[in-house]
PDB file of N, CA and C in Angstrom:
ATOM      1  N   GLU A   1      -6.332   7.209   9.059  1.00  0.00           N
ATOM      2  CA  GLU A   1      -5.088   6.705   9.528  1.00  0.00           C
ATOM      3  C   GLU A   1      -4.055   7.193  10.652  1.00  0.00           C
ATOM      4  N   ASN A   2      -4.575   8.264  11.278  1.00  0.00           N
ATOM      5  CA  ASN A   2      -3.841   8.865  12.441  1.00  0.00           C
ATOM      6  C   ASN A   2      -4.859   7.681  13.759  1.00  0.00           C
ATOM      7  N   ILE A   3      -5.377   6.973  14.167  1.00  0.00           N
ATOM      8  CA  ILE A   3      -5.167   5.857  14.552  1.00  0.00           C
ATOM      9  C   ILE A   3      -4.433   4.858  14.567  1.00  0.00           C
ATOM     10  N   TYR A   4      -4.005   4.483  13.824  1.00  0.00           N
ATOM     11  CA  TYR A   4      -2.693   3.820  13.443  1.00  0.00           C
ATOM     12  C   TYR A   4      -1.230   4.250  14.152  1.00  0.00           C
ATOM     13  N   LEU A   5      -1.343   5.220  13.556  1.00  0.00           N
ATOM     14  CA  LEU A   5      -0.239   5.669  14.825  1.00  0.00           C
ATOM     15  C   LEU A   5      -0.348   5.859  16.005  1.00  0.00           C
ATOM     16  N   SER A   6      -1.226   6.291  16.427  1.00  0.00           N
ATOM     17  CA  SER A   6      -1.635   6.656  18.014  1.00  0.00           C
ATOM     18  C   SER A   6      -1.739   5.277  19.148  1.00  0.00           C
ATOM     19  N   ASP A   7      -2.965   4.787  18.397  1.00  0.00           N
ATOM     20  CA  ASP A   7      -3.282   3.437  19.213  1.00  0.00           C
ATOM     21  C   ASP A   7      -2.557   2.025  18.792  1.00  0.00           C
ATOM     22  N   PRO A   8      -1.843   1.439  19.676  1.00  0.00           N
ATOM     23  CA  PRO A   8      -0.629   0.624  20.286  1.00  0.00           C
ATOM     24  C   PRO A   8      -1.355  -0.635  19.477  1.00  0.00           C
ATOM     25  N   GLU A   9      -2.779  -0.788  20.099  1.00  0.00           N
ATOM     26  CA  GLU A   9      -4.129  -1.879  19.290  1.00  0.00           C
ATOM     27  C   GLU A   9      -3.974  -1.824  17.838  1.00  0.00           C
ATOM     28  N   MET A  10      -4.554  -1.091  16.744  1.00  0.00           N
ATOM     29  CA  MET A  10      -4.616  -0.581  15.942  1.00  0.00           C
ATOM     30  C   MET A  10      -3.233  -0.801  15.560  1.00  0.00           C
ATOM     31  N   ASN A  11      -1.848  -0.057  15.641  1.00  0.00           N
ATOM     32  CA  ASN A  11      -0.600  -0.926  14.766  1.00  0.00           C
ATOM     33  C   ASN A  11       0.037  -1.751  15.303  1.00  0.00           C
ATOM     34  N   LEU A  12      -1.017  -2.597  15.961  1.00  0.00           N
ATOM     35  CA  LEU A  12      -0.181  -4.137  16.098  1.00  0.00           C
ATOM     36  C   LEU A  12       0.860  -3.664  17.110  1.00  0.00           C
ATOM     37  N   SER A  13       1.698  -3.123  17.456  1.00  0.00           N
ATOM     38  CA  SER A  13       2.879  -3.365  18.084  1.00  0.00           C
ATOM     39  C   SER A  13       2.541  -3.444  19.565  1.00  0.00           C
ATOM     40  N   VAL A  14       1.415  -3.668  19.935  1.00  0.00           N
ATOM     41  CA  VAL A  14       1.341  -4.567  21.273  1.00  0.00           C
ATOM     42  C   VAL A  14       1.302  -6.391  21.431  1.00  0.00           C
ATOM     43  N   TYR A  15       1.090  -6.030  20.208  1.00  0.00           N
ATOM     44  CA  TYR A  15       1.461  -8.102  19.988  1.00  0.00           C
ATOM     45  C   TYR A  15       3.256  -8.275  19.915  1.00  0.00           C
ATOM     46  N   ILE A  16       3.546  -7.424  19.641  1.00  0.00           N
ATOM     47  CA  ILE A  16       5.213  -7.189  19.379  1.00  0.00           C
ATOM     48  C   ILE A  16       6.184  -7.632  20.786  1.00  0.00           C
ATOM     49  N   GLY A  17       5.475  -7.124  21.990  1.00  0.00           N
ATOM     50  CA  GLY A  17       5.916  -6.818  23.390  1.00  0.00           C
ATOM     51  C   GLY A  17       6.173  -4.736  23.239  1.00  0.00           C
ATOM     52  N   SER A  18       5.817  -4.180  22.854  1.00  0.00           N
ATOM     53  CA  SER A  18       6.070  -2.452  22.818  1.00  0.00           C
ATOM     54  C   SER A  18       4.965  -1.887  22.052  1.00  0.00           C
ATOM     55  N   GLU A  19       4.528  -1.449  23.713  1.00  0.00           N
ATOM     56  CA  GLU A  19       3.349  -0.555  22.535  1.00  0.00           C
ATOM     57  C   GLU A  19       3.658   1.296  22.105  1.00  0.00           C
ATOM     58  N   ILE A  20       3.756   1.282  20.981  1.00  0.00           N
ATOM     59  CA  ILE A  20       4.249   2.634  20.415  1.00  0.00           C
ATOM     60  C   ILE A  20       2.890   3.354  19.792  1.00  0.00           C
ATOM     61  N   SER A  21       3.064   4.506  20.367  1.00  0.00           N
ATOM     62  CA  SER A  21       2.197   5.516  20.082  1.00  0.00           C
ATOM     63  C   SER A  21       2.576   6.702  19.729  1.00  0.00           C
ATOM     64  N   LEU A  22       2.423   7.032  18.202  1.00  0.00           N
ATOM     65  CA  LEU A  22       2.710   7.745  17.960  1.00  0.00           C
ATOM     66  C   LEU A  22       2.085   9.661  17.605  1.00  0.00           C
ATOM     67  N   GLU A  23       2.965  10.507  17.059  1.00  0.00           N
ATOM     68  CA  GLU A  23       1.819  11.580  16.947  1.00  0.00           C
ATOM     69  C   GLU A  23       1.576  11.609  16.068  1.00  0.00           C
ATOM     70  N   THR A  24       0.020  12.024  16.084  1.00  0.00           N
ATOM     71  CA  THR A  24      -0.537  12.389  14.259  1.00  0.00           C
ATOM     72  C   THR A  24       0.002  12.340  13.196  1.00  0.00           C
ATOM     73  N   ALA A  25      -0.113  12.670  12.198  1.00  0.00           N
ATOM     74  CA  ALA A  25       0.358  12.992  10.996  1.00  0.00           C
ATOM     75  C   ALA A  25       0.053  14.823  10.793  1.00  0.00           C
ATOM     76  N   ASP A  26       0.864  15.227  10.406  1.00  0.00           N
ATOM     77  CA  ASP A  26       0.683  17.251  10.299  1.00  0.00           C
ATOM     78  C   ASP A  26       0.038  16.795   8.749  1.00  0.00           C
ATOM     79  N   ILE A  27       0.789  15.680   7.766  1.00  0.00           N
ATOM     80  CA  ILE A  27       0.066  15.554   6.366  1.00  0.00           C
ATOM     81  C   ILE A  27       0.013  14.704   5.735  1.00  0.00           C
ATOM     82  N   LEU A  28      -1.633  14.198   5.559  1.00  0.00           N
ATOM     83  CA  LEU A  28      -2.348  13.640   5.134  1.00  0.00           C
ATOM     84  C   LEU A  28      -2.052  13.434   3.199  1.00  0.00           C
ATOM     85  N   LEU A  29      -1.843  12.439   2.854  1.00  0.00           N
ATOM     86  CA  LEU A  29      -1.948  12.157   1.232  1.00  0.00           C
ATOM     87  C   LEU A  29      -3.006  11.587   0.855  1.00  0.00           C
ATOM     88  N   ASP A  30      -3.305  12.338  -0.657  1.00  0.00           N
ATOM     89  CA  ASP A  30      -4.716  12.031  -1.484  1.00  0.00           C
ATOM     90  C   ASP A  30      -4.181  11.571  -2.387  1.00  0.00           C
ATOM     91  N   GLU A  31      -5.720  10.330  -3.380  1.00  0.00           N
ATOM     92  CA  GLU A  31      -5.011  10.670  -4.681  1.00  0.00           C
ATOM     93  C   GLU A  31      -4.853  11.684  -5.654  1.00  0.00           C
ATOM     94  N   GLY A  32      -3.705  11.754  -6.391  1.00  0.00           N
ATOM     95  CA  GLY A  32      -3.197  13.364  -7.006  1.00  0.00           C
ATOM     96  C   GLY A  32      -2.197  13.632  -6.255  1.00  0.00           C
ATOM     97  N   ASP A  33      -2.025  13.622  -4.980  1.00  0.00           N
ATOM     98  CA  ASP A  33      -1.232  14.504  -4.253  1.00  0.00           C
ATOM     99  C   ASP A  33       0.084  14.259  -4.831  1.00  0.00           C
ATOM    100  N   GLU A  34       1.237  15.194  -5.231  1.00  0.00           N
ATOM    101  CA  GLU A  34       2.336  14.695  -5.870  1.00  0.00           C
ATOM    102  C   GLU A  34       3.261  14.982  -3.983  1.00  0.00           C
ATOM    103  N   VAL A  35       4.345  13.826  -4.298  1.00  0.00           N
ATOM    104  CA  VAL A  35       6.286  14.078  -3.614  1.00  0.00           C
ATOM    105  C   VAL A  35       6.966  13.718  -3.943  1.00  0.00           C
ATOM    106  N   GLY A  36       7.319  15.112  -4.470  1.00  0.00           N
ATOM    107  CA  GLY A  36       8.646  14.500  -5.096  1.00  0.00           C
ATOM    108  C   GLY A  36       7.890  14.232  -6.906  1.00  0.00           C
ATOM    109  N   SER A  37       8.883  13.695  -7.370  1.00  0.00           N
ATOM    110  CA  SER A  37       8.564  12.933  -8.527  1.00  0.00           C
ATOM    111  C   SER A  37       7.329  12.479  -9.008  1.00  0.00           C
ATOM    112  N   PHE A  38       6.552  11.561  -7.742  1.00  0.00           N
ATOM    113  CA  PHE A  38       6.162  10.857  -7.487  1.00  0.00           C
ATOM    114  C   PHE A  38       4.318  11.019  -7.293  1.00  0.00           C
ATOM    115  N   LYS A  39       3.273  10.382  -7.572  1.00  0.00           N
ATOM    116  CA  LYS A  39       2.162  10.939  -7.755  1.00  0.00           C
ATOM    117  C   LYS A  39       1.495   9.809  -6.762  1.00  0.00           C
ATOM    118  N   VAL A  40       0.710  10.648  -5.611  1.00  0.00           N
ATOM    119  CA  VAL A  40      -0.671   9.298  -4.501  1.00  0.00           C
ATOM    120  C   VAL A  40      -1.411   8.937  -4.902  1.00  0.00           C
ATOM    121  N   LEU A  41      -1.164   7.312  -5.417  1.00  0.00           N
ATOM    122  CA  LEU A  41      -2.819   6.459  -5.792  1.00  0.00           C
ATOM    123  C   LEU A  41      -3.173   6.093  -4.496  1.00  0.00           C
ATOM    124  N   PHE A  42      -4.475   6.278  -4.188  1.00  0.00           N
ATOM    125  CA  PHE A  42      -5.126   5.920  -3.189  1.00  0.00           C
ATOM    126  C   PHE A  42      -5.388   4.493  -3.497  1.00  0.00           C
ATOM    127  N   THR A  43      -5.058   4.040  -3.231  1.00  0.00           N
ATOM    128  CA  THR A  43      -5.121   2.211  -3.025  1.00  0.00           C
ATOM    129  C   THR A  43      -5.146   1.463  -1.512  1.00  0.00           C
ATOM    130  N   PRO A  44      -6.943   1.552  -0.643  1.00  0.00           N
ATOM    131  CA  PRO A  44      -7.359   1.279   0.116  1.00  0.00           C
ATOM    132  C   PRO A  44      -6.986  -0.214   0.687  1.00  0.00           C
ATOM    133  N   GLY A  45      -7.616  -0.679   1.293  1.00  0.00           N
ATOM    134  CA  GLY A  45      -7.755  -2.558   1.471  1.00  0.00           C
ATOM    135  C   GLY A  45      -6.904  -3.261   2.791  1.00  0.00           C
ATOM    136  N   HIS A  46      -5.495  -2.901   2.380  1.00  0.00           N
ATOM    137  CA  HIS A  46      -4.640  -3.387   3.593  1.00  0.00           C
ATOM    138  C   HIS A  46      -5.213  -2.594   4.728  1.00  0.00           C
ATOM    139  N   THR A  47      -4.894  -1.309   4.458  1.00  0.00           N
ATOM    140  CA  THR A  47      -5.311  -0.607   5.744  1.00  0.00           C
ATOM    141  C   THR A  47      -6.508   0.521   4.965  1.00  0.00           C
ATOM    142  N   PRO A  48      -7.185   1.259   5.644  1.00  0.00           N
ATOM    143  CA  PRO A  48      -8.219   2.531   5.602  1.00  0.00           C
ATOM    144  C   PRO A  48      -7.247   3.402   4.588  1.00  0.00           C
ATOM    145  N   GLY A  49      -7.005   4.106   4.854  1.00  0.00           N
ATOM    146  CA  GLY A  49      -6.187   5.298   3.993  1.00  0.00           C
ATOM    147  C   GLY A  49      -4.660   4.955   3.274  1.00  0.00           C
ATOM    148  N   GLY A  50      -4.482   3.605   2.680  1.00  0.00           N
ATOM    149  CA  GLY A  50      -3.442   2.675   2.353  1.00  0.00           C
ATOM    150  C   GLY A  50      -3.452   3.440   0.789  1.00  0.00           C
ATOM    151  N   ILE A  51      -1.201   4.241   1.005  1.00  0.00           N
ATOM    152  CA  ILE A  51      -2.011   4.637  -0.526  1.00  0.00           C
ATOM    153  C   ILE A  51      -0.544   3.474  -1.047  1.00  0.00           C
ATOM    154  N   SER A  52      -0.396   3.905  -2.592  1.00  0.00           N
ATOM    155  CA  SER A  52       1.568   3.802  -3.530  1.00  0.00           C
ATOM    156  C   SER A  52       1.485   4.823  -4.166  1.00  0.00           C
ATOM    157  N   LEU A  53       2.761   4.826  -4.612  1.00  0.00           N
ATOM    158  CA  LEU A  53       3.477   6.108  -5.046  1.00  0.00           C
ATOM    159  C   LEU A  53       3.975   6.101  -5.907  1.00  0.00           C
ATOM    160  N   TYR A  54       3.282   7.023  -7.508  1.00  0.00           N
ATOM    161  CA  TYR A  54       3.977   5.734  -8.560  1.00  0.00           C
ATOM    162  C   TYR A  54       4.546   7.027  -9.281  1.00  0.00           C
ATOM    163  N   ASN A  55       5.862   6.799  -9.669  1.00  0.00           N
ATOM    164  CA  ASN A  55       6.843   7.665 -10.642  1.00  0.00           C
ATOM    165  C   ASN A  55       6.105   7.419 -12.319  1.00  0.00           C
ATOM    166  N   GLN A  56       5.547   8.111 -13.211  1.00  0.00           N
ATOM    167  CA  GLN A  56       4.965   7.878 -14.558  1.00  0.00           C
ATOM    168  C   GLN A  56       6.344   7.379 -15.277  1.00  0.00           C
ATOM    169  N   GLU A  57       7.398   8.065 -15.197  1.00  0.00           N
ATOM    170  CA  GLU A  57       8.173   8.234 -15.713  1.00  0.00           C
ATOM    171  C   GLU A  57       9.248   8.099 -15.577  1.00  0.00           C
ATOM    172  N   GLU A  58       9.715   7.082 -14.733  1.00  0.00           N
ATOM    173  CA  GLU A  58      10.329   6.503 -14.889  1.00  0.00           C
ATOM    174  C   GLU A  58      10.301   4.943 -14.049  1.00  0.00           C
ATOM    175  N   GLY A  59       9.079   4.978 -14.490  1.00  0.00           N
ATOM    176  CA  GLY A  59       7.924   3.050 -14.168  1.00  0.00           C
ATOM    177  C   GLY A  59       8.707   2.843 -13.334  1.00  0.00           C
ATOM    178  N   ILE A  60       8.267   3.333 -11.833  1.00  0.00           N
ATOM    179  CA  ILE A  60       8.267   3.230 -10.492  1.00  0.00           C
ATOM    180  C   ILE A  60       6.877   2.981  -9.779  1.00  0.00           C
ATOM    181  N   LEU A  61       6.960   1.807  -8.787  1.00  0.00           N
ATOM    182  CA  LEU A  61       5.284   2.578  -7.776  1.00  0.00           C
ATOM    183  C   LEU A  61       6.353   1.530  -6.361  1.00  0.00           C
ATOM    184  N   PHE A  62       5.805   2.223  -6.042  1.00  0.00           N
ATOM    185  CA  PHE A  62       5.989   1.790  -4.553  1.00  0.00           C
ATOM    186  C   PHE A  62       4.882   1.402  -3.940  1.00  0.00           C
ATOM    187  N   SER A  63       4.619  -0.516  -3.693  1.00  0.00           N
ATOM    188  CA  SER A  63       2.611  -0.367  -3.329  1.00  0.00           C
ATOM    189  C   SER A  63       2.657  -0.353  -2.313  1.00  0.00           C
ATOM    190  N   GLY A  64       3.976  -0.559  -0.880  1.00  0.00           N
ATOM    191  CA  GLY A  64       3.245  -0.787   0.087  1.00  0.00           C
ATOM    192  C   GLY A  64       3.425  -1.442   1.115  1.00  0.00           C
ATOM    193  N   ASP A  65       1.919  -2.722   1.134  1.00  0.00           N
ATOM    194  CA  ASP A  65       1.691  -3.931   1.343  1.00  0.00           C
ATOM    195  C   ASP A  65       0.439  -4.211   0.576  1.00  0.00           C
ATOM    196  N   LEU A  66       0.260  -3.205  -0.369  1.00  0.00           N
ATOM    197  CA  LEU A  66      -0.852  -3.927  -1.491  1.00  0.00           C
ATOM    198  C   LEU A  66      -0.793  -5.171  -1.878  1.00  0.00           C
ATOM    199  N   ILE A  67       0.326  -5.004  -2.739  1.00  0.00           N
ATOM    200  CA  ILE A  67       1.126  -6.368  -3.612  1.00  0.00           C
ATOM    201  C   ILE A  67       2.510  -6.575  -3.299  1.00  0.00           C
ATOM    202  N   PHE A  68       2.395  -7.599  -3.859  1.00  0.00           N
ATOM    203  CA  PHE A  68       3.808  -8.442  -3.632  1.00  0.00           C
ATOM    204  C   PHE A  68       4.412  -8.868  -4.450  1.00  0.00           C
ATOM    205  N   ARG A  69       5.730  -9.842  -4.574  1.00  0.00           N
ATOM    206  CA  ARG A  69       6.338 -10.934  -5.543  1.00  0.00           C
ATOM    207  C   ARG A  69       4.536 -11.872  -6.052  1.00  0.00           C
ATOM    208  N   ASP A  70       4.182 -12.302  -5.112  1.00  0.00           N
ATOM    209  CA  ASP A  70       3.440 -13.232  -5.271  1.00  0.00           C
ATOM    210  C   ASP A  70       2.445 -13.377  -4.331  1.00  0.00           C
ATOM    211  N   ALA A  71       2.267 -12.047  -4.188  1.00  0.00           N
ATOM    212  CA  ALA A  71       0.782 -12.056  -3.366  1.00  0.00           C
ATOM    213  C   ALA A  71       0.443 -10.940  -3.162  1.00  0.00           C
ATOM    214  N   TYR A  72      -0.806 -10.566  -2.523  1.00  0.00           N
ATOM    215  CA  TYR A  72      -1.499  -9.352  -1.985  1.00  0.00           C
ATOM    216  C   TYR A  72      -1.563  -9.042  -0.791  1.00  0.00           C
ATOM    217  N   GLY A  73      -1.638  -7.721  -0.091  1.00  0.00           N
ATOM    218  CA  GLY A  73      -2.298  -7.529   1.638  1.00  0.00           C
ATOM    219  C   GLY A  73      -3.041  -8.241   1.925  1.00  0.00           C
ATOM    220  N   ARG A  74      -2.610  -8.453   3.076  1.00  0.00           N
ATOM    221  CA  ARG A  74      -3.473  -9.053   3.701  1.00  0.00           C
ATOM    222  C   ARG A  74      -4.810  -8.385   4.338  1.00  0.00           C
ATOM    223  N   THR A  75      -5.829  -8.969   4.511  1.00  0.00           N
ATOM    224  CA  THR A  75      -6.975  -8.011   5.214  1.00  0.00           C
ATOM    225  C   THR A  75      -7.814  -8.310   6.099  1.00  0.00           C
ATOM    226  N   ASP A  76      -7.127  -8.941   7.241  1.00  0.00           N
ATOM    227  CA  ASP A  76      -7.581  -9.665   8.415  1.00  0.00           C
ATOM    228  C   ASP A  76      -6.897  -9.113   9.521  1.00  0.00           C
ATOM    229  N   LEU A  77      -6.688  -7.898   8.770  1.00  0.00           N
ATOM    230  CA  LEU A  77      -6.060  -7.066  10.378  1.00  0.00           C
ATOM    231  C   LEU A  77      -6.751  -5.761  10.755  1.00  0.00           C
ATOM    232  N   PRO A  78      -6.236  -5.551  11.369  1.00  0.00           N
ATOM    233  CA  PRO A  78      -7.521  -4.149  11.603  1.00  0.00           C
ATOM    234  C   PRO A  78      -7.522  -3.348  10.381  1.00  0.00           C
ATOM    235  N   GLY A  79      -8.947  -2.779  10.395  1.00  0.00           N
ATOM    236  CA  GLY A  79      -9.736  -1.436   8.963  1.00  0.00           C
ATOM    237  C   GLY A  79      -9.402  -2.187   7.801  1.00  0.00           C
ATOM    238  N   GLY A  80      -8.501  -3.747   7.607  1.00  0.00           N
ATOM    239  CA  GLY A  80      -8.404  -4.470   6.096  1.00  0.00           C
ATOM    240  C   GLY A  80      -9.382  -4.587   4.957  1.00  0.00           C
ATOM    241  N   ASP A  81      -9.977  -4.620   4.516  1.00  0.00           N
ATOM    242  CA  ASP A  81     -11.330  -5.184   3.834  1.00  0.00           C
ATOM    243  C   ASP A  81     -10.863  -5.719   2.724  1.00  0.00           C
ATOM    244  N   GLN A  82     -11.114  -6.835   1.950  1.00  0.00           N
ATOM    245  CA  GLN A  82     -10.195  -7.192   1.074  1.00  0.00           C
ATOM    246  C   GLN A  82     -11.805  -6.973  -0.169  1.00  0.00           C
ATOM    247  N   LYS A  83     -12.877  -6.898   0.046  1.00  0.00           N
ATOM    248  CA  LYS A  83     -13.632  -5.849  -1.155  1.00  0.00           C
ATOM    249  C   LYS A  83     -12.943  -4.664  -2.183  1.00  0.00           C
ATOM    250  N   ILE A  84     -12.660  -3.854  -0.968  1.00  0.00           N
ATOM    251  CA  ILE A  84     -11.586  -2.673  -1.141  1.00  0.00           C
ATOM    252  C   ILE A  84     -10.077  -2.725  -2.056  1.00  0.00           C
ATOM    253  N   LEU A  85      -9.796  -3.933  -1.158  1.00  0.00           N
ATOM    254  CA  LEU A  85      -8.853  -4.059  -1.539  1.00  0.00           C
ATOM    255  C   LEU A  85      -8.665  -4.483  -3.102  1.00  0.00           C
ATOM    256  N   PHE A  86      -9.412  -5.862  -3.070  1.00  0.00           N
ATOM    257  CA  PHE A  86      -9.469  -5.558  -4.949  1.00  0.00           C
ATOM    258  C   PHE A  86      -9.211  -4.969  -5.841  1.00  0.00           C
ATOM    259  N   SER A  87     -10.441  -3.833  -5.349  1.00  0.00           N
ATOM    260  CA  SER A  87     -10.698  -2.553  -5.660  1.00  0.00           C
ATOM    261  C   SER A  87      -9.525  -1.792  -6.574  1.00  0.00           C
ATOM    262  N   SER A  88      -8.490  -1.790  -5.164  1.00  0.00           N
ATOM    263  CA  SER A  88      -7.523  -1.359  -5.464  1.00  0.00           C
ATOM    264  C   SER A  88      -6.086  -1.999  -6.923  1.00  0.00           C
ATOM    265  N   LEU A  89      -6.325  -3.423  -6.699  1.00  0.00           N
ATOM    266  CA  LEU A  89      -5.849  -4.400  -6.969  1.00  0.00           C
ATOM    267  C   LEU A  89      -6.210  -3.724  -8.741  1.00  0.00           C
ATOM    268  N   GLU A  90      -7.409  -3.637  -9.032  1.00  0.00           N
ATOM    269  CA  GLU A  90      -7.903  -3.081 -10.116  1.00  0.00           C
ATOM    270  C   GLU A  90      -7.598  -2.308 -10.836  1.00  0.00           C
ATOM    271  N   LYS A  91      -7.435  -0.951 -10.389  1.00  0.00           N
ATOM    272  CA  LYS A  91      -6.673   0.642 -10.519  1.00  0.00           C
ATOM    273  C   LYS A  91      -5.334   0.176 -10.708  1.00  0.00           C
ATOM    274  N   ILE A  92      -4.654  -0.530  -9.933  1.00  0.00           N
ATOM    275  CA  ILE A  92      -2.912  -0.540  -9.523  1.00  0.00           C
ATOM    276  C   ILE A  92      -2.198  -1.769 -10.928  1.00  0.00           C
ATOM    277  N   ILE A  93      -2.997  -2.469 -11.725  1.00  0.00           N
ATOM    278  CA  ILE A  93      -2.836  -3.559 -12.423  1.00  0.00           C
ATOM    279  C   ILE A  93      -3.217  -2.748 -14.170  1.00  0.00           C
ATOM    280  N   LYS A  94      -3.953  -1.493 -13.825  1.00  0.00           N
ATOM    281  CA  LYS A  94      -4.065  -0.798 -15.474  1.00  0.00           C
ATOM    282  C   LYS A  94      -2.430  -0.106 -15.897  1.00  0.00           C
ATOM    283  N   LEU A  95      -1.521   0.155 -15.047  1.00  0.00           N
ATOM    284  CA  LEU A  95      -0.735   0.279 -15.071  1.00  0.00           C
ATOM    285  C   LEU A  95       0.468  -0.358 -16.197  1.00  0.00           C
ATOM    286  N   PRO A  96       1.294   0.369 -16.764  1.00  0.00           N
ATOM    287  CA  PRO A  96       2.078  -0.494 -17.695  1.00  0.00           C
ATOM    288  C   PRO A  96       2.525  -1.853 -16.969  1.00  0.00           C
ATOM    289  N   PRO A  97       3.044  -2.890 -17.691  1.00  0.00           N
ATOM    290  CA  PRO A  97       3.263  -3.938 -17.079  1.00  0.00           C
ATOM    291  C   PRO A  97       4.725  -3.801 -16.463  1.00  0.00           C
ATOM    292  N   ASP A  98       5.437  -3.349 -17.223  1.00  0.00           N
ATOM    293  CA  ASP A  98       6.740  -3.008 -17.216  1.00  0.00           C
ATOM    294  C   ASP A  98       7.080  -2.411 -15.912  1.00  0.00           C
ATOM    295  N   THR A  99       6.247  -1.438 -15.388  1.00  0.00           N
ATOM    296  CA  THR A  99       6.507  -1.274 -13.894  1.00  0.00           C
ATOM    297  C   THR A  99       7.164  -2.188 -13.083  1.00  0.00           C
ATOM    298  N   LEU A 100       7.807  -1.118 -12.762  1.00  0.00           N
ATOM    299  CA  LEU A 100       8.743  -2.075 -11.972  1.00  0.00           C
ATOM    300  C   LEU A 100       8.082  -1.697 -10.083  1.00  0.00           C
ATOM    301  N   VAL A 101       7.861  -2.541  -9.048  1.00  0.00           N
ATOM    302  CA  VAL A 101       7.320  -2.830  -8.456  1.00  0.00           C
ATOM    303  C   VAL A 101       8.206  -2.718  -7.072  1.00  0.00           C
ATOM    304  N   TYR A 102       8.411  -1.727  -6.385  1.00  0.00           N
ATOM    305  CA  TYR A 102       8.993  -1.824  -4.586  1.00  0.00           C
ATOM    306  C   TYR A 102       7.716  -2.008  -3.697  1.00  0.00           C
ATOM    307  N   PRO A 103       7.273  -3.760  -3.177  1.00  0.00           N
ATOM    308  CA  PRO A 103       6.282  -3.714  -1.883  1.00  0.00           C
ATOM    309  C   PRO A 103       6.988  -3.172  -0.894  1.00  0.00           C
ATOM    310  N   GLY A 104       6.362  -3.153   0.029  1.00  0.00           N
ATOM    311  CA  GLY A 104       6.465  -2.920   1.761  1.00  0.00           C
ATOM    312  C   GLY A 104       6.999  -3.944   2.242  1.00  0.00           C
ATOM    313  N   HIS A 105       7.242  -5.216   1.753  1.00  0.00           N
ATOM    314  CA  HIS A 105       7.862  -6.474   2.206  1.00  0.00           C
ATOM    315  C   HIS A 105       8.318  -6.586   0.941  1.00  0.00           C
ATOM    316  N   GLY A 106       9.739  -7.519   1.266  1.00  0.00           N
ATOM    317  CA  GLY A 106      10.622  -8.944  -0.037  1.00  0.00           C
ATOM    318  C   GLY A 106      10.874  -8.320  -1.550  1.00  0.00           C
ATOM    319  N   PRO A 107      10.829  -8.821  -2.103  1.00  0.00           N
ATOM    320  CA  PRO A 107      11.552  -8.190  -3.040  1.00  0.00           C
ATOM    321  C   PRO A 107      10.992  -7.884  -4.223  1.00  0.00           C
ATOM    322  N   ALA A 108      11.796  -7.401  -4.993  1.00  0.00           N
ATOM    323  CA  ALA A 108      10.471  -6.481  -6.689  1.00  0.00           C
ATOM    324  C   ALA A 108       9.832  -7.177  -7.208  1.00  0.00           C
ATOM    325  N   THR A 109       8.534  -6.759  -8.221  1.00  0.00           N
ATOM    326  CA  THR A 109       8.619  -7.394  -9.478  1.00  0.00           C
ATOM    327  C   THR A 109       7.671  -6.207 -10.036  1.00  0.00           C
ATOM    328  N   THR A 110       7.246  -6.563 -11.052  1.00  0.00           N
ATOM    329  CA  THR A 110       6.582  -5.863 -11.949  1.00  0.00           C
ATOM    330  C   THR A 110       5.043  -5.964 -12.125  1.00  0.00           C
ATOM    331  N   ILE A 111       4.777  -4.972 -12.175  1.00  0.00           N
ATOM    332  CA  ILE A 111       3.123  -5.359 -12.787  1.00  0.00           C
ATOM    333  C   ILE A 111       2.398  -6.129 -14.221  1.00  0.00           C
ATOM    334  N   GLY A 112       3.284  -6.963 -15.000  1.00  0.00           N
ATOM    335  CA  GLY A 112       3.043  -7.937 -15.237  1.00  0.00           C
ATOM    336  C   GLY A 112       3.467  -9.348 -14.819  1.00  0.00           C
ATOM    337  N   GLU A 113       4.367  -9.465 -14.289  1.00  0.00           N
ATOM    338  CA  GLU A 113       4.407 -10.349 -13.463  1.00  0.00           C
ATOM    339  C   GLU A 113       3.333 -10.645 -12.412  1.00  0.00           C
ATOM    340  N   PHE A 114       3.020  -9.438 -11.705  1.00  0.00           N
ATOM    341  CA  PHE A 114       1.980  -9.452 -10.672  1.00  0.00           C
ATOM    342  C   PHE A 114       0.553 -10.035 -11.008  1.00  0.00           C
ATOM    343  N   LYS A 115       0.392  -9.357 -12.929  1.00  0.00           N
ATOM    344  CA  LYS A 115      -0.984 -10.080 -13.508  1.00  0.00           C
ATOM    345  C   LYS A 115      -0.965 -11.595 -13.299  1.00  0.00           C
ATOM    346  N   LYS A 116       0.036 -11.860 -13.668  1.00  0.00           N
ATOM    347  CA  LYS A 116       0.247 -13.684 -14.469  1.00  0.00           C
ATOM    348  C   LYS A 116       0.140 -14.202 -12.602  1.00  0.00           C
ATOM    349  N   PHE A 117       0.189 -13.999 -11.928  1.00  0.00           N
ATOM    350  CA  PHE A 117       0.242 -14.360 -10.123  1.00  0.00           C
ATOM    351  C   PHE A 117      -1.435 -14.468 -10.619  1.00  0.00           C
ATOM    352  N   LEU A 118      -2.407 -13.014 -10.677  1.00  0.00           N
ATOM    353  CA  LEU A 118      -3.271 -12.989 -10.161  1.00  0.00           C
ATOM    354  C   LEU A 118      -4.064 -13.851 -11.211  1.00  0.00           C
ATOM    355  N   TYR A 119      -3.791 -13.819 -12.425  1.00  0.00           N
ATOM    356  CA  TYR A 119      -4.779 -15.124 -13.377  1.00  0.00           C
ATOM    357  C   TYR A 119      -4.177 -16.004 -13.621  1.00  0.00           C
TER     358      TYR A 119
END
């Protein structure tokens, strides 16, 4: 994922009129790591190193750009992979249906509502 921080072509900033190049990450998170009360779920597909943060006790998931209210993340951008994204979706939809999902963009949803969209 460090390439997305440092390369304006990969992070797409070049396409919005500014070239953003950041330092590489000090810490890379992986499946099972904990951030406060949240567990890291490795959910690639939109990007190769995509993660979601899940708090089982509170029933909250921060999904990034993996899922939205009535959509799932794009795979046509650099590093996207539809087959891998669908594998990540299969993992996420196993969470309880009342899990509140906060996507990277747009309104919140639940796993149950997202499953209705999928099926």
